[in-house]
Amino acid sequence: MLTARGIQKHYAQLHVLKGVAITINRGEIVSIVGSSGAGKSTLLHILGTLDTPDSGEIFLNEIPVHTLKGKKLADFRNKQIGFVFQFHHLLPEFTALENVCIPGWVAGRRKKEVQEDATRLLKLLGLGERLENKPTALSGGEQQRVAVARALINKPSIVFADEPTGNLDSKNAKELHDLFVQLRTDFNQTFLIVTHNEELATMSDRVLHMKDGLIIPPNP
């Protein structure tokens, strides 16, 4: 479903990605691990169209993502890709329900339809009693689950998660791990996760190791 090859990225004199190739199948949970500075988050941001490679090709559902620009790229990102970050990035002036609805409204979907989908997602994630709460009234784990619902609202082909448990305690981290597995099992949702959390990595279908800007082959 997702294929990238020859991904190169420099920041000034720093060669961050050195020709990375990666393939992700539909319905997979894949984790990328490695030491700080290995290029994990840079790769994730490039695959998620938040950054651009210096060279290389990216295909999502056979669409050449690396050729998209401007509004076409923004529309593609909004409809095909979901994001979950270490910090939830919820808008504090909006309720949990409104935060989840925003990407759907941006996509031009009908307001009522989006609200119904957002309500269903929040209930699925155990937040049925929190729809009208603003982020400051939610725990860290609840805020991150709202962020997951927001990532799923447009039924994306893939969700990119960058250190999604990095700001959570062990209990909430485990609950988020279990949630990703449930979403993959129930909805065949695809996830690509950058993490330092060994437990989350081991729950994935595949673990890819990055070192010095490359994905290294597993030990024989």
C-alpha atoms as a PDB file:
ATOM      1  CA  MET A   1       0.000   0.000   0.000  1.00  0.00           C
ATOM      2  CA  LEU A   2       2.878   2.357   0.834  1.00  0.00           C
ATOM      3  CA  THR A   3       6.159   2.111  -1.042  1.00  0.00           C
ATOM      4  CA  ALA A   4       9.108   4.481  -0.908  1.00  0.00           C
ATOM      5  CA  ARG A   5      12.531   4.123  -2.437  1.00  0.00           C
ATOM      6  CA  GLY A   6      15.711   6.147  -2.686  1.00  0.00           C
ATOM      7  CA  ILE A   7      14.646   8.652  -0.010  1.00  0.00           C
ATOM      8  CA  GLN A   8      17.458  11.156   0.568  1.00  0.00           C
ATOM      9  CA  LYS A   9      17.393  14.147   2.902  1.00  0.00           C
ATOM     10  CA  HIS A  10      20.019  16.709   3.877  1.00  0.00           C
ATOM     11  CA  TYR A  11      19.814  19.519   6.400  1.00  0.00           C
ATOM     12  CA  ALA A  12      22.707  21.814   5.484  1.00  0.00           C
ATOM     13  CA  GLN A  13      25.783  19.549   5.689  1.00  0.00           C
ATOM     14  CA  LEU A  14      23.994  16.833   7.652  1.00  0.00           C
ATOM     15  CA  HIS A  15      23.007  13.814   5.551  1.00  0.00           C
ATOM     16  CA  VAL A  16      19.981  12.547   7.503  1.00  0.00           C
ATOM     17  CA  LEU A  17      18.483   9.961   5.134  1.00  0.00           C
ATOM     18  CA  LYS A  18      20.763   8.060   2.773  1.00  0.00           C
ATOM     19  CA  GLY A  19      18.535   6.316   0.246  1.00  0.00           C
ATOM     20  CA  VAL A  20      15.861   4.721   2.438  1.00  0.00           C
ATOM     21  CA  ALA A  21      13.498   2.128   0.947  1.00  0.00           C
ATOM     22  CA  ILE A  22      10.394   0.887   2.749  1.00  0.00           C
ATOM     23  CA  THR A  23       7.195  -1.025   1.947  1.00  0.00           C
ATOM     24  CA  ILE A  24       4.121  -1.182   4.195  1.00  0.00           C
ATOM     25  CA  ASN A  25       1.230  -3.564   3.518  1.00  0.00           C
ATOM     26  CA  ARG A  26      -2.409  -2.729   4.160  1.00  0.00           C
ATOM     27  CA  GLY A  27      -3.519  -3.705   7.662  1.00  0.00           C
ATOM     28  CA  GLU A  28       0.013  -3.853   9.066  1.00  0.00           C
ATOM     29  CA  ILE A  29       1.351  -2.275  12.231  1.00  0.00           C
ATOM     30  CA  VAL A  30       4.995  -1.467  11.566  1.00  0.00           C
ATOM     31  CA  SER A  31       7.310   0.149  14.111  1.00  0.00           C
ATOM     32  CA  ILE A  32      10.565   1.953  13.382  1.00  0.00           C
ATOM     33  CA  VAL A  33      13.125   1.934  16.198  1.00  0.00           C
ATOM     34  CA  GLY A  34      16.658   3.233  16.540  1.00  0.00           C
ATOM     35  CA  SER A  35      18.773   5.655  18.486  1.00  0.00           C
ATOM     36  CA  SER A  36      18.154   9.400  18.488  1.00  0.00           C
ATOM     37  CA  GLY A  37      19.481  10.969  15.298  1.00  0.00           C
ATOM     38  CA  ALA A  38      19.026   7.831  13.205  1.00  0.00           C
ATOM     39  CA  GLY A  39      16.497   9.605  10.963  1.00  0.00           C
ATOM     40  CA  LYS A  40      13.281   7.932  12.180  1.00  0.00           C
ATOM     41  CA  SER A  41      11.115  11.025  12.605  1.00  0.00           C
ATOM     42  CA  THR A  42      12.501  12.642   9.462  1.00  0.00           C
ATOM     43  CA  LEU A  43      11.509   9.573   7.464  1.00  0.00           C
ATOM     44  CA  LEU A  44       8.056   9.520   9.045  1.00  0.00           C
ATOM     45  CA  HIS A  45       7.471  13.189   8.266  1.00  0.00           C
ATOM     46  CA  ILE A  46       8.568  12.708   4.653  1.00  0.00           C
ATOM     47  CA  LEU A  47       6.361   9.655   4.156  1.00  0.00           C
ATOM     48  CA  GLY A  48       3.500  11.616   5.731  1.00  0.00           C
ATOM     49  CA  THR A  49       4.079  14.573   3.352  1.00  0.00           C
ATOM     50  CA  LEU A  50       4.912  16.961   6.203  1.00  0.00           C
ATOM     51  CA  ASP A  51       8.420  17.323   4.762  1.00  0.00           C
ATOM     52  CA  THR A  52       9.866  16.783   1.301  1.00  0.00           C
ATOM     53  CA  PRO A  53      12.788  14.550   0.328  1.00  0.00           C
ATOM     54  CA  ASP A  54      15.743  15.837  -1.652  1.00  0.00           C
ATOM     55  CA  SER A  55      15.234  12.850  -3.940  1.00  0.00           C
ATOM     56  CA  GLY A  56      13.327   9.588  -4.057  1.00  0.00           C
ATOM     57  CA  GLU A  57       9.820   8.331  -4.759  1.00  0.00           C
ATOM     58  CA  ILE A  58       6.789   7.718  -2.522  1.00  0.00           C
ATOM     59  CA  PHE A  59       3.645   5.861  -3.624  1.00  0.00           C
ATOM     60  CA  LEU A  60       0.506   5.507  -1.518  1.00  0.00           C
ATOM     61  CA  ASN A  61      -2.232   3.379  -3.086  1.00  0.00           C
ATOM     62  CA  GLU A  62      -0.197   3.654  -6.320  1.00  0.00           C
ATOM     63  CA  ILE A  63      -0.452   7.471  -6.284  1.00  0.00           C
ATOM     64  CA  PRO A  64       2.954   9.150  -6.784  1.00  0.00           C
ATOM     65  CA  VAL A  65       2.825  11.308  -3.668  1.00  0.00           C
ATOM     66  CA  HIS A  66       6.216  12.900  -4.390  1.00  0.00           C
ATOM     67  CA  THR A  67       4.738  14.638  -7.446  1.00  0.00           C
ATOM     68  CA  LEU A  68       1.843  16.315  -5.601  1.00  0.00           C
ATOM     69  CA  LYS A  69       2.024  20.033  -4.819  1.00  0.00           C
ATOM     70  CA  GLY A  70       0.010  22.754  -3.133  1.00  0.00           C
ATOM     71  CA  LYS A  71      -3.725  22.166  -2.744  1.00  0.00           C
ATOM     72  CA  LYS A  72      -3.589  18.701  -4.325  1.00  0.00           C
ATOM     73  CA  LEU A  73      -1.045  17.627  -1.725  1.00  0.00           C
ATOM     74  CA  ALA A  74      -3.002  19.219   1.136  1.00  0.00           C
ATOM     75  CA  ASP A  75      -6.225  17.498   0.017  1.00  0.00           C
ATOM     76  CA  PHE A  76      -4.449  14.166  -0.340  1.00  0.00           C
ATOM     77  CA  ARG A  77      -2.901  14.465   3.121  1.00  0.00           C
ATOM     78  CA  ASN A  78      -6.226  15.412   4.707  1.00  0.00           C
ATOM     79  CA  LYS A  79      -8.137  12.487   3.193  1.00  0.00           C
ATOM     80  CA  GLN A  80      -5.543   9.701   3.016  1.00  0.00           C
ATOM     81  CA  ILE A  81      -3.240  10.216   6.020  1.00  0.00           C
ATOM     82  CA  GLY A  82      -3.793  10.428   9.764  1.00  0.00           C
ATOM     83  CA  PHE A  83      -1.259  11.661  12.315  1.00  0.00           C
ATOM     84  CA  VAL A  84      -0.693  11.024  16.008  1.00  0.00           C
ATOM     85  CA  PHE A  85       2.212  12.822  17.666  1.00  0.00           C
ATOM     86  CA  GLN A  86       3.876  12.680  21.077  1.00  0.00           C
ATOM     87  CA  PHE A  87       1.957  15.811  22.050  1.00  0.00           C
ATOM     88  CA  HIS A  88      -1.713  15.679  21.164  1.00  0.00           C
ATOM     89  CA  HIS A  89      -1.898  19.159  19.530  1.00  0.00           C
ATOM     90  CA  LEU A  90      -5.587  19.507  20.364  1.00  0.00           C
ATOM     91  CA  LEU A  91      -7.045  22.990  19.987  1.00  0.00           C
ATOM     92  CA  PRO A  92      -7.791  24.155  23.544  1.00  0.00           C
ATOM     93  CA  GLU A  93     -10.800  26.314  22.682  1.00  0.00           C
ATOM     94  CA  PHE A  94     -12.718  23.402  21.123  1.00  0.00           C
ATOM     95  CA  THR A  95     -14.397  20.381  22.721  1.00  0.00           C
ATOM     96  CA  ALA A  96     -13.201  16.814  22.179  1.00  0.00           C
ATOM     97  CA  LEU A  97     -15.969  16.307  19.624  1.00  0.00           C
ATOM     98  CA  GLU A  98     -15.107  19.492  17.736  1.00  0.00           C
ATOM     99  CA  ASN A  99     -11.388  18.652  17.695  1.00  0.00           C
ATOM    100  CA  VAL A 100     -12.161  15.305  16.079  1.00  0.00           C
ATOM    101  CA  CYS A 101     -14.570  16.885  13.580  1.00  0.00           C
ATOM    102  CA  ILE A 102     -12.195  19.556  12.255  1.00  0.00           C
ATOM    103  CA  PRO A 103     -10.341  17.424   9.637  1.00  0.00           C
ATOM    104  CA  GLY A 104     -13.694  16.155   8.358  1.00  0.00           C
ATOM    105  CA  TRP A 105     -15.027  19.669   7.989  1.00  0.00           C
ATOM    106  CA  VAL A 106     -11.816  20.767   6.274  1.00  0.00           C
ATOM    107  CA  ALA A 107     -12.370  17.895   3.808  1.00  0.00           C
ATOM    108  CA  GLY A 108     -15.743  19.419   2.911  1.00  0.00           C
ATOM    109  CA  ARG A 109     -17.861  16.621   4.342  1.00  0.00           C
ATOM    110  CA  ARG A 110     -21.376  17.307   5.643  1.00  0.00           C
ATOM    111  CA  LYS A 111     -21.348  18.672   9.189  1.00  0.00           C
ATOM    112  CA  LYS A 112     -23.890  16.197  10.570  1.00  0.00           C
ATOM    113  CA  GLU A 113     -22.178  13.195   8.982  1.00  0.00           C
ATOM    114  CA  VAL A 114     -18.818  14.221  10.456  1.00  0.00           C
ATOM    115  CA  GLN A 115     -20.340  14.764  13.908  1.00  0.00           C
ATOM    116  CA  GLU A 116     -21.956  11.327  13.800  1.00  0.00           C
ATOM    117  CA  ASP A 117     -18.663   9.682  12.778  1.00  0.00           C
ATOM    118  CA  ALA A 118     -16.731  11.610  15.445  1.00  0.00           C
ATOM    119  CA  THR A 119     -19.225  10.647  18.132  1.00  0.00           C
ATOM    120  CA  ARG A 120     -19.018   6.991  17.123  1.00  0.00           C
ATOM    121  CA  LEU A 121     -15.208   7.065  17.183  1.00  0.00           C
ATOM    122  CA  LEU A 122     -15.021   8.745  20.572  1.00  0.00           C
ATOM    123  CA  LYS A 123     -17.461   6.230  22.019  1.00  0.00           C
ATOM    124  CA  LEU A 124     -15.415   3.395  20.517  1.00  0.00           C
ATOM    125  CA  LEU A 125     -12.321   4.805  22.216  1.00  0.00           C
ATOM    126  CA  GLY A 126     -14.070   4.980  25.590  1.00  0.00           C
ATOM    127  CA  LEU A 127     -14.753   8.711  25.550  1.00  0.00           C
ATOM    128  CA  GLY A 128     -18.511   8.704  25.146  1.00  0.00           C
ATOM    129  CA  GLU A 129     -18.916  10.727  28.338  1.00  0.00           C
ATOM    130  CA  ARG A 130     -16.256  13.262  27.309  1.00  0.00           C
ATOM    131  CA  LEU A 131     -17.642  14.614  24.043  1.00  0.00           C
ATOM    132  CA  GLU A 132     -18.238  18.140  25.333  1.00  0.00           C
ATOM    133  CA  ASN A 133     -15.090  18.386  27.466  1.00  0.00           C
ATOM    134  CA  LYS A 134     -12.298  20.681  26.368  1.00  0.00           C
ATOM    135  CA  PRO A 135      -8.721  19.339  26.414  1.00  0.00           C
ATOM    136  CA  THR A 136      -7.878  20.931  29.776  1.00  0.00           C
ATOM    137  CA  ALA A 137     -10.599  18.801  31.393  1.00  0.00           C
ATOM    138  CA  LEU A 138      -9.148  15.555  29.978  1.00  0.00           C
ATOM    139  CA  SER A 139      -6.315  13.389  31.283  1.00  0.00           C
ATOM    140  CA  GLY A 140      -3.182  12.856  29.186  1.00  0.00           C
ATOM    141  CA  GLY A 141      -4.402   9.449  28.067  1.00  0.00           C
ATOM    142  CA  GLU A 142      -7.824  10.829  27.158  1.00  0.00           C
ATOM    143  CA  GLN A 143      -6.273  13.675  25.175  1.00  0.00           C
ATOM    144  CA  GLN A 144      -4.184  11.217  23.191  1.00  0.00           C
ATOM    145  CA  ARG A 145      -7.238   9.078  22.435  1.00  0.00           C
ATOM    146  CA  VAL A 146      -9.012  12.186  21.135  1.00  0.00           C
ATOM    147  CA  ALA A 147      -5.974  12.715  18.907  1.00  0.00           C
ATOM    148  CA  VAL A 148      -6.296   9.123  17.651  1.00  0.00           C
ATOM    149  CA  ALA A 149      -9.989   9.686  16.864  1.00  0.00           C
ATOM    150  CA  ARG A 150      -9.061  12.873  15.004  1.00  0.00           C
ATOM    151  CA  ALA A 151      -6.488  10.914  12.980  1.00  0.00           C
ATOM    152  CA  LEU A 152      -9.165   8.379  11.995  1.00  0.00           C
ATOM    153  CA  ILE A 153     -12.075  10.722  11.191  1.00  0.00           C
ATOM    154  CA  ASN A 154     -11.517  10.728   7.399  1.00  0.00           C
ATOM    155  CA  LYS A 155     -10.883   6.950   7.260  1.00  0.00           C
ATOM    156  CA  PRO A 156      -7.239   7.369   6.215  1.00  0.00           C
ATOM    157  CA  SER A 157      -5.301   4.716   4.353  1.00  0.00           C
ATOM    158  CA  ILE A 158      -2.517   4.935   6.941  1.00  0.00           C
ATOM    159  CA  VAL A 159      -1.873   6.516  10.332  1.00  0.00           C
ATOM    160  CA  PHE A 160       1.611   7.812  11.089  1.00  0.00           C
ATOM    161  CA  ALA A 161       2.427   7.945  14.800  1.00  0.00           C
ATOM    162  CA  ASP A 162       5.563   9.742  16.014  1.00  0.00           C
ATOM    163  CA  GLU A 163       6.444   8.685  19.593  1.00  0.00           C
ATOM    164  CA  PRO A 164       2.718   8.431  20.433  1.00  0.00           C
ATOM    165  CA  THR A 165       3.334   7.148  23.973  1.00  0.00           C
ATOM    166  CA  GLY A 166       6.302   9.398  24.722  1.00  0.00           C
ATOM    167  CA  ASN A 167       4.241  11.733  26.905  1.00  0.00           C
ATOM    168  CA  LEU A 168       2.157   9.033  28.655  1.00  0.00           C
ATOM    169  CA  ASP A 169       2.631   7.008  31.826  1.00  0.00           C
ATOM    170  CA  SER A 170       3.003   3.232  31.517  1.00  0.00           C
ATOM    171  CA  LYS A 171      -0.700   2.482  32.074  1.00  0.00           C
ATOM    172  CA  ASN A 172      -1.916   4.909  29.433  1.00  0.00           C
ATOM    173  CA  ALA A 173       0.879   3.847  27.093  1.00  0.00           C
ATOM    174  CA  LYS A 174      -0.245   0.222  27.283  1.00  0.00           C
ATOM    175  CA  GLU A 175      -3.862   1.225  26.678  1.00  0.00           C
ATOM    176  CA  LEU A 176      -2.799   3.140  23.565  1.00  0.00           C
ATOM    177  CA  HIS A 177      -0.800   0.120  22.341  1.00  0.00           C
ATOM    178  CA  ASP A 178      -3.847  -2.102  22.801  1.00  0.00           C
ATOM    179  CA  LEU A 179      -5.990   0.458  20.988  1.00  0.00           C
ATOM    180  CA  PHE A 180      -3.771   0.392  17.885  1.00  0.00           C
ATOM    181  CA  VAL A 181      -3.978  -3.409  17.795  1.00  0.00           C
ATOM    182  CA  GLN A 182      -7.775  -3.282  18.216  1.00  0.00           C
ATOM    183  CA  LEU A 183      -8.126  -0.784  15.362  1.00  0.00           C
ATOM    184  CA  ARG A 184      -5.959  -2.942  13.116  1.00  0.00           C
ATOM    185  CA  THR A 185      -7.970  -6.064  14.018  1.00  0.00           C
ATOM    186  CA  ASP A 186     -11.429  -4.484  13.762  1.00  0.00           C
ATOM    187  CA  PHE A 187     -10.914  -2.100  10.823  1.00  0.00           C
ATOM    188  CA  ASN A 188      -7.741  -3.336   9.078  1.00  0.00           C
ATOM    189  CA  GLN A 189      -6.201   0.062   9.874  1.00  0.00           C
ATOM    190  CA  THR A 190      -2.572   0.480   8.856  1.00  0.00           C
ATOM    191  CA  PHE A 191      -0.077   2.103  11.235  1.00  0.00           C
ATOM    192  CA  LEU A 192       3.540   3.193  10.874  1.00  0.00           C
ATOM    193  CA  ILE A 193       4.944   4.076  14.291  1.00  0.00           C
ATOM    194  CA  VAL A 194       8.223   5.667  15.357  1.00  0.00           C
ATOM    195  CA  THR A 195       8.878   4.721  18.959  1.00  0.00           C
ATOM    196  CA  HIS A 196      11.457   4.222  21.680  1.00  0.00           C
ATOM    197  CA  ASN A 197       8.927   2.091  23.552  1.00  0.00           C
ATOM    198  CA  GLU A 198      10.083  -1.521  23.294  1.00  0.00           C
ATOM    199  CA  GLU A 199       6.680  -2.879  24.358  1.00  0.00           C
ATOM    200  CA  LEU A 200       4.873  -1.024  21.601  1.00  0.00           C
ATOM    201  CA  ALA A 201       7.448  -2.176  19.067  1.00  0.00           C
ATOM    202  CA  THR A 202       7.098  -5.839  20.034  1.00  0.00           C
ATOM    203  CA  MET A 203       3.298  -5.636  19.593  1.00  0.00           C
ATOM    204  CA  SER A 204       3.806  -4.632  15.964  1.00  0.00           C
ATOM    205  CA  ASP A 205       3.684  -6.993  13.024  1.00  0.00           C
ATOM    206  CA  ARG A 206       7.160  -5.870  11.961  1.00  0.00           C
ATOM    207  CA  VAL A 207       9.942  -3.879  13.575  1.00  0.00           C
ATOM    208  CA  LEU A 208      12.346  -1.935  11.344  1.00  0.00           C
ATOM    209  CA  HIS A 209      15.672  -0.740  12.750  1.00  0.00           C
ATOM    210  CA  MET A 210      17.219   2.527  11.581  1.00  0.00           C
ATOM    211  CA  LYS A 211      20.849   3.486  11.969  1.00  0.00           C
ATOM    212  CA  ASP A 212      22.779   6.362  10.397  1.00  0.00           C
ATOM    213  CA  GLY A 213      20.000   7.297   7.990  1.00  0.00           C
ATOM    214  CA  LEU A 214      19.251   3.798   6.697  1.00  0.00           C
ATOM    215  CA  ILE A 215      16.967   0.891   7.544  1.00  0.00           C
ATOM    216  CA  ILE A 216      19.337  -1.911   8.450  1.00  0.00           C
ATOM    217  CA  PRO A 217      18.591  -5.589   7.732  1.00  0.00           C
ATOM    218  CA  PRO A 218      17.792  -7.830  10.700  1.00  0.00           C
ATOM    219  CA  ASN A 219      20.474 -10.076  12.081  1.00  0.00           C
ATOM    220  CA  PRO A 220      20.447 -13.512  10.400  1.00  0.00           C
END
